[in-house]
C-alpha atoms as a PDB file:
ATOM      1  CA  MET A   1      13.987   5.021  -2.985  1.00  0.00           C
ATOM      2  CA  LYS A   2      10.310   6.143  -3.856  1.00  0.00           C
ATOM      3  CA  SER A   3      10.530   9.815  -3.313  1.00  0.00           C
ATOM      4  CA  LYS A   4       7.170  10.399  -1.596  1.00  0.00           C
ATOM      5  CA  GLU A   5       7.576   8.445   1.467  1.00  0.00           C
ATOM      6  CA  THR A   6       5.196   9.354   4.076  1.00  0.00           C
ATOM      7  CA  LEU A   7       5.839   9.788   7.597  1.00  0.00           C
ATOM      8  CA  LYS A   8       3.883   6.544   8.156  1.00  0.00           C
ATOM      9  CA  GLU A   9       6.100   4.227   6.507  1.00  0.00           C
ATOM     10  CA  LEU A  10       8.876   6.566   7.203  1.00  0.00           C
ATOM     11  CA  ARG A  11       7.843   5.731  10.990  1.00  0.00           C
ATOM     12  CA  GLU A  12       7.811   2.229  11.032  1.00  0.00           C
ATOM     13  CA  LYS A  13      11.258   1.963   9.872  1.00  0.00           C
ATOM     14  CA  SER A  14      14.657   1.074  11.731  1.00  0.00           C
ATOM     15  CA  VAL A  15      17.171   4.252  12.882  1.00  0.00           C
ATOM     16  CA  ALA A  16      19.796   2.120  10.223  1.00  0.00           C
ATOM     17  CA  GLU A  17      16.895   1.922   7.300  1.00  0.00           C
ATOM     18  CA  LEU A  18      16.260   5.492   8.423  1.00  0.00           C
ATOM     19  CA  ASN A  19      19.752   6.430   7.609  1.00  0.00           C
ATOM     20  CA  GLU A  20      20.294   4.550   4.171  1.00  0.00           C
ATOM     21  CA  THR A  21      17.455   6.588   3.526  1.00  0.00           C
ATOM     22  CA  ILE A  22      18.449  10.236   3.793  1.00  0.00           C
ATOM     23  CA  LEU A  23      21.750   9.056   2.589  1.00  0.00           C
ATOM     24  CA  SER A  24      20.056   7.975  -1.083  1.00  0.00           C
ATOM     25  CA  GLY A  25      17.810  11.470  -0.629  1.00  0.00           C
ATOM     26  CA  LYS A  26      21.262  13.810  -0.447  1.00  0.00           C
ATOM     27  CA  LYS A  27      22.406  11.416  -3.560  1.00  0.00           C
ATOM     28  CA  GLU A  28      19.350  12.463  -5.392  1.00  0.00           C
ATOM     29  CA  LEU A  29      18.581  16.225  -4.111  1.00  0.00           C
ATOM     30  CA  LEU A  30      22.786  16.599  -5.534  1.00  0.00           C
ATOM     31  CA  GLU A  31      21.566  15.251  -8.897  1.00  0.00           C
ATOM     32  CA  LEU A  32      19.013  17.284  -8.919  1.00  0.00           C
ATOM     33  CA  ARG A  33      21.044  20.365  -8.481  1.00  0.00           C
ATOM     34  CA  ILE A  34      23.347  18.718 -11.058  1.00  0.00           C
ATOM     35  CA  GLN A  35      20.731  18.862 -13.668  1.00  0.00           C
ATOM     36  CA  LYS A  36      19.081  21.523 -12.457  1.00  0.00           C
ATOM     37  CA  ALA A  37      22.803  24.050 -12.894  1.00  0.00           C
ATOM     38  CA  THR A  38      22.688  22.385 -16.520  1.00  0.00           C
ATOM     39  CA  GLN A  39      19.681  23.092 -17.699  1.00  0.00           C
ATOM     40  CA  LYS A  40      18.034  19.619 -18.106  1.00  0.00           C
ATOM     41  CA  LEU A  41      15.973  19.450 -14.851  1.00  0.00           C
ATOM     42  CA  GLU A  42      12.598  19.871 -15.874  1.00  0.00           C
ATOM     43  CA  ASN A  43      10.314  19.266 -12.625  1.00  0.00           C
ATOM     44  CA  THR A  44      12.443  22.027 -10.176  1.00  0.00           C
ATOM     45  CA  ALA A  45       9.329  21.199  -7.616  1.00  0.00           C
ATOM     46  CA  LYS A  46      11.590  17.668  -7.199  1.00  0.00           C
ATOM     47  CA  ILE A  47      14.432  18.923  -5.613  1.00  0.00           C
ATOM     48  CA  LYS A  48      11.870  21.070  -2.319  1.00  0.00           C
ATOM     49  CA  SER A  49      10.180  17.395  -2.346  1.00  0.00           C
ATOM     50  CA  THR A  50      13.369  15.668  -1.474  1.00  0.00           C
ATOM     51  CA  LYS A  51      14.240  17.856   0.737  1.00  0.00           C
ATOM     52  CA  LYS A  52      11.646  17.563   2.670  1.00  0.00           C
ATOM     53  CA  MET A  53      11.949  13.980   2.498  1.00  0.00           C
ATOM     54  CA  ILE A  54      15.418  14.274   3.738  1.00  0.00           C
ATOM     55  CA  ALA A  55      13.418  16.953   6.862  1.00  0.00           C
ATOM     56  CA  GLN A  56      11.147  14.305   7.863  1.00  0.00           C
ATOM     57  CA  ALA A  57      13.318  11.713   7.463  1.00  0.00           C
ATOM     58  CA  LYS A  58      16.108  12.998  10.454  1.00  0.00           C
ATOM     59  CA  THR A  59      13.275  14.559  12.359  1.00  0.00           C
ATOM     60  CA  VAL A  60      11.342  10.532  12.881  1.00  0.00           C
ATOM     61  CA  ILE A  61      14.895   9.573  13.948  1.00  0.00           C
ATOM     62  CA  ALA A  62      15.317  12.870  16.510  1.00  0.00           C
ATOM     63  CA  GLU A  63      11.422  11.060  17.557  1.00  0.00           C
ATOM     64  CA  LYS A  64      13.387   7.761  17.597  1.00  0.00           C
ATOM     65  CA  GLU A  65      16.204   8.320  19.861  1.00  0.00           C
ATOM     66  CA  GLY A  66      13.892  11.033  22.566  1.00  0.00           C
ATOM     67  CA  LYS A  67      11.872   8.284  23.269  1.00  0.00           C
END
């Protein structure tokens, strides 16, 4: 999974693919938090971008279900 998927790319995915993206994003976020706690995370901005990607995927799912 790419960390920086554009909103356009997310909108082209199906709901099942978006759920997979969210799941993998959550796993990545957990790993990043563990690295941060153990002082091994060099780029702390990656946490924010991962959270943003998860939120965008959830928003796209809500848009698709609303149609």
